């Protein structure tokens, strides 16, 4: 990829023995708000603490327009609970970013 190249990726589902990484959706708003609205978690995030679930819904809707980035929800297989999110960002300067919030 060179400067100015941008791609919107289809987000694959990835499964391990204990976890499922899958695309996040608006239906995940309540679970996402549990951590995105928690000040103890938010201090480690690159975005501010979500003050209400509407902020969370707006963020979830924005994910479908990500460029050069994958974003997944982390689901615990044992109970189907969405426990966090993670992502990989491909930057135009040949650097990559990885994020995990659990």
N, C-alpha and C. Protein backbone atom coordinates (compact mmCIF):
# COMPACT_ATOMS: atom_id res chain seq x y z
N UNK A 1 0.84 -1.17 0.00
CA UNK A 1 0.00 0.00 0.00
C UNK A 1 0.88 1.24 0.00
N UNK A 2 0.53 2.21 -0.79
CA UNK A 2 1.30 3.44 -0.82
C UNK A 2 0.44 4.59 -0.34
N UNK A 3 1.06 5.71 -0.03
CA UNK A 3 0.37 6.89 0.48
C UNK A 3 -0.83 7.20 -0.40
N UNK A 4 -1.97 7.40 0.22
CA UNK A 4 -3.18 7.74 -0.51
C UNK A 4 -4.04 6.53 -0.86
N UNK A 5 -3.52 5.32 -0.69
CA UNK A 5 -4.30 4.11 -0.95
C UNK A 5 -5.13 3.78 0.30
N UNK A 6 -6.42 3.61 0.11
CA UNK A 6 -7.28 3.24 1.22
C UNK A 6 -8.17 2.09 0.79
N UNK A 7 -8.43 1.18 1.71
CA UNK A 7 -9.28 0.03 1.42
C UNK A 7 -10.26 -0.15 2.57
N UNK A 8 -11.48 -0.55 2.23
CA UNK A 8 -12.45 -0.94 3.24
C UNK A 8 -12.54 -2.45 3.17
N UNK A 9 -12.24 -3.13 4.29
CA UNK A 9 -12.14 -4.58 4.33
C UNK A 9 -13.46 -5.21 4.76
N UNK A 10 -13.74 -6.39 4.23
CA UNK A 10 -14.77 -7.24 4.81
C UNK A 10 -14.14 -7.87 6.04
N UNK A 11 -14.84 -7.84 7.15
CA UNK A 11 -14.29 -8.34 8.41
C UNK A 11 -14.58 -9.84 8.52
N UNK A 12 -13.53 -10.67 8.55
CA UNK A 12 -13.76 -12.11 8.69
C UNK A 12 -14.07 -12.48 10.14
N UNK A 13 -14.71 -13.61 10.33
CA UNK A 13 -14.90 -14.17 11.67
C UNK A 13 -13.76 -15.15 11.91
N UNK A 14 -13.16 -15.06 13.09
CA UNK A 14 -12.04 -15.92 13.46
C UNK A 14 -12.42 -16.66 14.74
N UNK A 15 -12.20 -17.96 14.74
CA UNK A 15 -12.59 -18.77 15.89
C UNK A 15 -11.38 -19.48 16.48
N UNK A 16 -11.28 -19.44 17.81
CA UNK A 16 -10.25 -20.19 18.53
C UNK A 16 -10.97 -21.18 19.45
N UNK A 17 -10.21 -21.88 20.26
CA UNK A 17 -10.81 -22.86 21.17
C UNK A 17 -11.79 -22.20 22.15
N UNK A 18 -11.46 -21.00 22.62
CA UNK A 18 -12.29 -20.35 23.65
C UNK A 18 -12.98 -19.06 23.22
N UNK A 19 -12.57 -18.49 22.07
CA UNK A 19 -13.09 -17.19 21.66
C UNK A 19 -13.56 -17.18 20.22
N UNK A 20 -14.46 -16.25 19.92
CA UNK A 20 -14.85 -15.94 18.55
C UNK A 20 -14.59 -14.46 18.35
N UNK A 21 -13.84 -14.12 17.32
CA UNK A 21 -13.66 -12.73 16.92
C UNK A 21 -14.59 -12.52 15.74
N UNK A 22 -15.52 -11.59 15.87
CA UNK A 22 -16.51 -11.37 14.82
C UNK A 22 -16.76 -9.88 14.67
N UNK A 23 -17.32 -9.49 13.52
CA UNK A 23 -17.63 -8.07 13.34
C UNK A 23 -18.61 -7.60 14.42
N UNK A 24 -18.43 -6.38 14.88
CA UNK A 24 -19.37 -5.76 15.81
C UNK A 24 -20.57 -5.24 15.04
N UNK A 25 -21.73 -5.17 15.70
CA UNK A 25 -22.92 -4.62 15.06
C UNK A 25 -23.67 -3.75 16.07
N UNK A 26 -24.65 -3.04 15.57
CA UNK A 26 -25.47 -2.17 16.43
C UNK A 26 -26.17 -3.00 17.51
N UNK A 27 -26.40 -4.28 17.26
CA UNK A 27 -27.03 -5.16 18.25
C UNK A 27 -26.14 -5.41 19.46
N UNK A 28 -24.87 -5.04 19.38
CA UNK A 28 -23.93 -5.22 20.48
C UNK A 28 -23.88 -4.01 21.42
N UNK A 29 -24.70 -3.02 21.17
CA UNK A 29 -24.59 -1.74 21.90
C UNK A 29 -24.57 -1.90 23.42
N UNK A 30 -25.47 -2.69 23.98
CA UNK A 30 -25.51 -2.82 25.45
C UNK A 30 -24.22 -3.43 26.00
N UNK A 31 -23.75 -4.49 25.36
CA UNK A 31 -22.51 -5.13 25.83
C UNK A 31 -21.31 -4.19 25.67
N UNK A 32 -21.23 -3.51 24.55
CA UNK A 32 -20.11 -2.58 24.32
C UNK A 32 -20.14 -1.45 25.33
N UNK A 33 -21.33 -0.94 25.62
CA UNK A 33 -21.45 0.16 26.58
C UNK A 33 -20.96 -0.24 27.97
N UNK A 34 -21.04 -1.53 28.29
CA UNK A 34 -20.54 -1.99 29.60
C UNK A 34 -19.08 -1.62 29.80
N UNK A 35 -18.24 -1.74 28.76
CA UNK A 35 -16.84 -1.36 28.92
C UNK A 35 -16.56 0.04 28.40
N UNK A 36 -17.20 0.45 27.32
CA UNK A 36 -16.92 1.77 26.75
C UNK A 36 -17.46 2.89 27.64
N UNK A 37 -18.42 2.57 28.50
CA UNK A 37 -18.96 3.55 29.43
C UNK A 37 -18.37 3.46 30.82
N UNK A 38 -17.37 2.64 31.00
CA UNK A 38 -16.74 2.44 32.31
C UNK A 38 -15.45 3.26 32.38
N UNK A 39 -15.41 4.22 33.28
CA UNK A 39 -14.25 5.12 33.42
C UNK A 39 -12.95 4.34 33.67
N UNK A 40 -13.04 3.21 34.38
CA UNK A 40 -11.83 2.43 34.66
C UNK A 40 -11.23 1.85 33.39
N UNK A 41 -12.07 1.53 32.43
CA UNK A 41 -11.60 1.00 31.14
C UNK A 41 -11.24 2.16 30.21
N UNK A 42 -12.07 3.19 30.22
CA UNK A 42 -11.91 4.30 29.28
C UNK A 42 -10.57 5.01 29.39
N UNK A 43 -9.98 4.99 30.57
CA UNK A 43 -8.70 5.68 30.71
C UNK A 43 -7.60 5.06 29.87
N UNK A 44 -7.82 3.81 29.39
CA UNK A 44 -6.84 3.13 28.54
C UNK A 44 -7.22 3.16 27.06
N UNK A 45 -8.39 3.71 26.74
CA UNK A 45 -8.87 3.75 25.36
C UNK A 45 -8.38 5.02 24.67
N UNK A 46 -8.35 4.99 23.34
CA UNK A 46 -7.93 6.18 22.60
C UNK A 46 -9.09 7.14 22.40
N UNK A 47 -10.30 6.73 22.76
CA UNK A 47 -11.47 7.60 22.66
C UNK A 47 -12.04 7.82 24.06
N UNK A 48 -12.80 8.89 24.25
CA UNK A 48 -13.33 9.18 25.58
C UNK A 48 -14.41 8.18 26.01
N UNK A 49 -14.62 8.14 27.32
CA UNK A 49 -15.65 7.29 27.90
C UNK A 49 -17.00 7.64 27.28
N UNK A 50 -17.76 6.62 26.90
CA UNK A 50 -19.10 6.85 26.35
C UNK A 50 -20.02 7.25 27.49
N UNK A 51 -20.65 8.39 27.37
CA UNK A 51 -21.51 8.92 28.44
C UNK A 51 -22.89 8.28 28.44
N UNK A 52 -23.32 7.74 27.29
CA UNK A 52 -24.61 7.07 27.20
C UNK A 52 -24.57 6.08 26.04
N UNK A 53 -25.59 5.25 25.96
CA UNK A 53 -25.61 4.19 24.95
C UNK A 53 -25.74 4.75 23.54
N UNK A 54 -26.27 5.95 23.39
CA UNK A 54 -26.38 6.57 22.06
C UNK A 54 -24.99 6.84 21.47
N UNK A 55 -24.04 7.22 22.32
CA UNK A 55 -22.66 7.41 21.86
C UNK A 55 -22.09 6.07 21.37
N UNK A 56 -22.39 5.02 22.11
CA UNK A 56 -21.93 3.68 21.72
C UNK A 56 -22.53 3.27 20.38
N UNK A 57 -23.82 3.51 20.20
CA UNK A 57 -24.48 3.16 18.93
C UNK A 57 -23.87 3.94 17.77
N UNK A 58 -23.58 5.20 17.98
CA UNK A 58 -22.97 6.02 16.93
C UNK A 58 -21.59 5.45 16.56
N UNK A 59 -20.80 5.06 17.57
CA UNK A 59 -19.49 4.48 17.32
C UNK A 59 -19.61 3.17 16.55
N UNK A 60 -20.56 2.31 16.96
CA UNK A 60 -20.74 1.03 16.27
C UNK A 60 -21.13 1.25 14.81
N UNK A 61 -21.99 2.21 14.54
CA UNK A 61 -22.39 2.51 13.16
C UNK A 61 -21.19 3.00 12.34
N UNK A 62 -20.27 3.71 12.98
CA UNK A 62 -19.12 4.25 12.26
C UNK A 62 -18.14 3.16 11.82
N UNK A 63 -18.18 2.00 12.45
CA UNK A 63 -17.23 0.94 12.14
C UNK A 63 -17.35 0.43 10.72
N UNK A 64 -18.55 0.52 10.14
CA UNK A 64 -18.72 0.00 8.78
C UNK A 64 -17.99 0.85 7.74
N UNK A 65 -17.52 2.04 8.13
CA UNK A 65 -16.81 2.92 7.21
C UNK A 65 -15.31 3.00 7.49
N UNK A 66 -14.79 2.09 8.30
CA UNK A 66 -13.36 2.11 8.60
C UNK A 66 -12.54 1.87 7.33
N UNK A 67 -11.48 2.60 7.19
CA UNK A 67 -10.56 2.40 6.08
C UNK A 67 -9.26 1.80 6.59
N UNK A 68 -8.77 0.78 5.91
CA UNK A 68 -7.50 0.15 6.25
C UNK A 68 -7.48 -0.41 7.67
N UNK A 69 -8.59 -0.96 8.11
CA UNK A 69 -8.66 -1.41 9.49
C UNK A 69 -9.66 -2.56 9.63
N UNK A 70 -9.32 -3.50 10.49
CA UNK A 70 -10.23 -4.54 10.92
C UNK A 70 -10.63 -4.22 12.36
N UNK A 71 -11.91 -4.42 12.70
CA UNK A 71 -12.36 -4.27 14.08
C UNK A 71 -13.27 -5.45 14.41
N UNK A 72 -12.97 -6.16 15.48
CA UNK A 72 -13.74 -7.33 15.88
C UNK A 72 -14.31 -7.16 17.28
N UNK A 73 -15.40 -7.86 17.55
CA UNK A 73 -15.88 -8.07 18.89
C UNK A 73 -15.29 -9.38 19.38
N UNK A 74 -14.96 -9.45 20.66
CA UNK A 74 -14.40 -10.67 21.25
C UNK A 74 -15.51 -11.34 22.05
N UNK A 75 -15.90 -12.53 21.62
CA UNK A 75 -17.00 -13.27 22.25
C UNK A 75 -16.43 -14.49 22.96
N UNK A 76 -16.80 -14.63 24.22
CA UNK A 76 -16.39 -15.82 25.00
C UNK A 76 -17.33 -16.97 24.61
N UNK A 77 -16.77 -18.04 24.10
CA UNK A 77 -17.58 -19.17 23.62
C UNK A 77 -18.40 -19.84 24.73
N UNK A 78 -17.85 -19.92 25.93
CA UNK A 78 -18.51 -20.67 27.00
C UNK A 78 -19.91 -20.15 27.31
N UNK A 79 -20.13 -18.85 27.15
CA UNK A 79 -21.45 -18.30 27.46
C UNK A 79 -21.98 -17.33 26.38
N UNK A 80 -21.23 -17.15 25.30
CA UNK A 80 -21.68 -16.27 24.22
C UNK A 80 -21.61 -14.79 24.54
N UNK A 81 -20.94 -14.43 25.62
CA UNK A 81 -20.86 -13.03 26.07
C UNK A 81 -19.81 -12.26 25.26
N UNK A 82 -20.21 -11.09 24.77
CA UNK A 82 -19.26 -10.17 24.13
C UNK A 82 -18.47 -9.49 25.24
N UNK A 83 -17.17 -9.74 25.31
CA UNK A 83 -16.38 -9.28 26.45
C UNK A 83 -15.38 -8.18 26.09
N UNK A 84 -15.28 -7.84 24.82
CA UNK A 84 -14.33 -6.80 24.44
C UNK A 84 -14.26 -6.62 22.94
N UNK A 85 -13.29 -5.85 22.52
CA UNK A 85 -13.07 -5.62 21.09
C UNK A 85 -11.58 -5.55 20.81
N UNK A 86 -11.24 -5.74 19.57
CA UNK A 86 -9.85 -5.65 19.16
C UNK A 86 -9.80 -5.23 17.70
N UNK A 87 -8.62 -4.81 17.26
CA UNK A 87 -8.51 -4.39 15.88
C UNK A 87 -7.07 -4.32 15.40
N UNK A 88 -6.95 -4.26 14.09
CA UNK A 88 -5.67 -4.07 13.42
C UNK A 88 -5.84 -2.93 12.43
N UNK A 89 -4.91 -2.00 12.46
CA UNK A 89 -4.95 -0.85 11.56
C UNK A 89 -3.71 -0.88 10.68
N UNK A 90 -3.91 -0.78 9.37
CA UNK A 90 -2.82 -0.73 8.41
C UNK A 90 -2.64 0.72 8.00
N UNK A 91 -1.51 1.30 8.33
CA UNK A 91 -1.27 2.71 8.05
C UNK A 91 -0.52 2.88 6.74
N UNK A 92 -0.64 4.05 6.16
CA UNK A 92 0.00 4.30 4.86
C UNK A 92 1.51 4.45 4.96
N UNK A 93 2.05 4.63 6.16
CA UNK A 93 3.49 4.78 6.32
C UNK A 93 4.18 3.44 6.62
N UNK A 94 3.52 2.34 6.22
CA UNK A 94 4.02 0.98 6.40
C UNK A 94 4.17 0.58 7.86
N UNK A 95 3.41 1.21 8.73
CA UNK A 95 3.34 0.83 10.14
C UNK A 95 1.95 0.26 10.41
N UNK A 96 1.85 -0.53 11.47
CA UNK A 96 0.60 -1.17 11.81
C UNK A 96 0.27 -0.87 13.26
N UNK A 97 -1.00 -0.85 13.57
CA UNK A 97 -1.43 -0.67 14.95
C UNK A 97 -2.33 -1.82 15.36
N UNK A 98 -2.24 -2.24 16.61
CA UNK A 98 -3.07 -3.31 17.16
C UNK A 98 -3.69 -2.79 18.44
N UNK A 99 -4.98 -3.08 18.64
CA UNK A 99 -5.65 -2.64 19.87
C UNK A 99 -6.47 -3.80 20.43
N UNK A 100 -6.56 -3.85 21.76
CA UNK A 100 -7.38 -4.84 22.45
C UNK A 100 -7.99 -4.17 23.67
N UNK A 101 -9.31 -4.36 23.83
CA UNK A 101 -10.01 -3.87 25.02
C UNK A 101 -10.84 -5.02 25.54
N UNK A 102 -10.55 -5.47 26.76
CA UNK A 102 -11.30 -6.56 27.37
C UNK A 102 -11.75 -6.11 28.76
